[in-house]
Amino acid sequence: VLPSLPTLTVLVPLLSLAGLFYAATVDETFPQGCTSTNSLCFYSLLLPITIPVYVFFHLWTWMGIKLFRHN
């Protein structure tokens, strides 16, 4: 069962911020360690960027289908 969209809109940035703060306090190589894919910092920065990009391209595809059908 997935949470609703407003819940995810609030929950994803809060979890990412918590992961970023956790990585900043625990990881010794914090700023440089964010480039490693096995770091929590990397994913806490990647997650908030991935979701809007996915939504944009999903809507872009939907709009393309709508324009193609009504043309």
C-alpha atoms as a PDB file:
ATOM      1  CA  VAL A   1       0.000   0.000   0.000  1.00  0.00           C
ATOM      2  CA  LEU A   2       1.509   3.289  -1.123  1.00  0.00           C
ATOM      3  CA  PRO A   3       0.963   6.505   0.827  1.00  0.00           C
ATOM      4  CA  SER A   4      -0.918   9.343  -0.829  1.00  0.00           C
ATOM      5  CA  LEU A   5       0.845  11.937  -2.960  1.00  0.00           C
ATOM      6  CA  PRO A   6       0.666  14.762  -0.376  1.00  0.00           C
ATOM      7  CA  THR A   7       2.166  12.420   2.218  1.00  0.00           C
ATOM      8  CA  LEU A   8       4.984  11.468  -0.147  1.00  0.00           C
ATOM      9  CA  THR A   9       5.549  15.128  -1.022  1.00  0.00           C
ATOM     10  CA  VAL A  10       6.309  15.821   2.616  1.00  0.00           C
ATOM     11  CA  LEU A  11       7.886  12.496   3.559  1.00  0.00           C
ATOM     12  CA  VAL A  12      10.505  12.171   0.792  1.00  0.00           C
ATOM     13  CA  PRO A  13      12.250  15.521   1.431  1.00  0.00           C
ATOM     14  CA  LEU A  14      12.180  14.937   5.193  1.00  0.00           C
ATOM     15  CA  LEU A  15      13.729  11.483   4.843  1.00  0.00           C
ATOM     16  CA  SER A  16      16.328  12.847   2.430  1.00  0.00           C
ATOM     17  CA  LEU A  17      17.159  15.678   4.800  1.00  0.00           C
ATOM     18  CA  ALA A  18      17.457  13.247   7.703  1.00  0.00           C
ATOM     19  CA  GLY A  19      19.773  11.039   5.625  1.00  0.00           C
ATOM     20  CA  LEU A  20      21.861  14.041   4.660  1.00  0.00           C
ATOM     21  CA  PHE A  21      22.183  15.190   8.280  1.00  0.00           C
ATOM     22  CA  TYR A  22      23.035  11.649   9.350  1.00  0.00           C
ATOM     23  CA  ALA A  23      25.736  11.411   6.673  1.00  0.00           C
ATOM     24  CA  ALA A  24      27.092  14.824   7.679  1.00  0.00           C
ATOM     25  CA  THR A  25      27.453  13.806  11.313  1.00  0.00           C
ATOM     26  CA  VAL A  26      28.652  10.205  10.871  1.00  0.00           C
ATOM     27  CA  ASP A  27      30.677  10.119   7.637  1.00  0.00           C
ATOM     28  CA  GLU A  28      34.274  11.303   7.954  1.00  0.00           C
ATOM     29  CA  THR A  29      34.568  12.157   4.266  1.00  0.00           C
ATOM     30  CA  PHE A  30      31.237  13.980   4.075  1.00  0.00           C
ATOM     31  CA  PRO A  31      31.534  16.419   1.173  1.00  0.00           C
ATOM     32  CA  GLN A  32      33.740  14.178  -0.967  1.00  0.00           C
ATOM     33  CA  GLY A  33      31.944  10.975   0.087  1.00  0.00           C
ATOM     34  CA  CYS A  34      28.717  12.109  -1.574  1.00  0.00           C
ATOM     35  CA  THR A  35      30.088  11.017  -4.957  1.00  0.00           C
ATOM     36  CA  SER A  36      30.367   7.354  -3.942  1.00  0.00           C
ATOM     37  CA  THR A  37      27.337   5.224  -4.807  1.00  0.00           C
ATOM     38  CA  ASN A  38      27.603   3.224  -1.580  1.00  0.00           C
ATOM     39  CA  SER A  39      27.127   6.366   0.524  1.00  0.00           C
ATOM     40  CA  LEU A  40      23.880   7.364   2.191  1.00  0.00           C
ATOM     41  CA  CYS A  41      24.648  10.989   1.339  1.00  0.00           C
ATOM     42  CA  PHE A  42      24.620  10.180  -2.388  1.00  0.00           C
ATOM     43  CA  TYR A  43      21.108   8.755  -2.249  1.00  0.00           C
ATOM     44  CA  SER A  44      19.777  11.453   0.060  1.00  0.00           C
ATOM     45  CA  LEU A  45      20.807  13.986  -2.587  1.00  0.00           C
ATOM     46  CA  LEU A  46      19.667  11.847  -5.519  1.00  0.00           C
ATOM     47  CA  LEU A  47      16.153  11.031  -4.298  1.00  0.00           C
ATOM     48  CA  PRO A  48      14.679  14.566  -4.198  1.00  0.00           C
ATOM     49  CA  ILE A  49      16.030  15.239  -7.692  1.00  0.00           C
ATOM     50  CA  THR A  50      14.851  11.956  -9.221  1.00  0.00           C
ATOM     51  CA  ILE A  51      11.180  12.300  -8.305  1.00  0.00           C
ATOM     52  CA  PRO A  52      10.487  15.686 -10.006  1.00  0.00           C
ATOM     53  CA  VAL A  53      12.399  14.564 -13.099  1.00  0.00           C
ATOM     54  CA  TYR A  54      10.313  11.382 -13.252  1.00  0.00           C
ATOM     55  CA  VAL A  55       7.079  13.343 -12.856  1.00  0.00           C
ATOM     56  CA  PHE A  56       8.138  15.817 -15.560  1.00  0.00           C
ATOM     57  CA  PHE A  57       8.905  13.117 -18.123  1.00  0.00           C
ATOM     58  CA  HIS A  58       5.796  11.162 -17.182  1.00  0.00           C
ATOM     59  CA  LEU A  59       3.662  14.249 -17.836  1.00  0.00           C
ATOM     60  CA  TRP A  60       5.640  14.983 -21.013  1.00  0.00           C
ATOM     61  CA  THR A  61       4.855  11.488 -22.308  1.00  0.00           C
ATOM     62  CA  TRP A  62       1.202  11.824 -21.343  1.00  0.00           C
ATOM     63  CA  MET A  63       0.977  15.193 -23.097  1.00  0.00           C
ATOM     64  CA  GLY A  64       2.600  13.728 -26.207  1.00  0.00           C
ATOM     65  CA  ILE A  65       0.062  10.909 -26.289  1.00  0.00           C
ATOM     66  CA  LYS A  66      -2.811  13.387 -25.861  1.00  0.00           C
ATOM     67  CA  LEU A  67      -1.532  15.624 -28.652  1.00  0.00           C
ATOM     68  CA  PHE A  68      -0.971  12.646 -30.950  1.00  0.00           C
ATOM     69  CA  ARG A  69      -4.495  11.307 -30.402  1.00  0.00           C
ATOM     70  CA  HIS A  70      -6.231  14.653 -30.975  1.00  0.00           C
ATOM     71  CA  ASN A  71      -4.245  15.641 -34.012  1.00  0.00           C
END
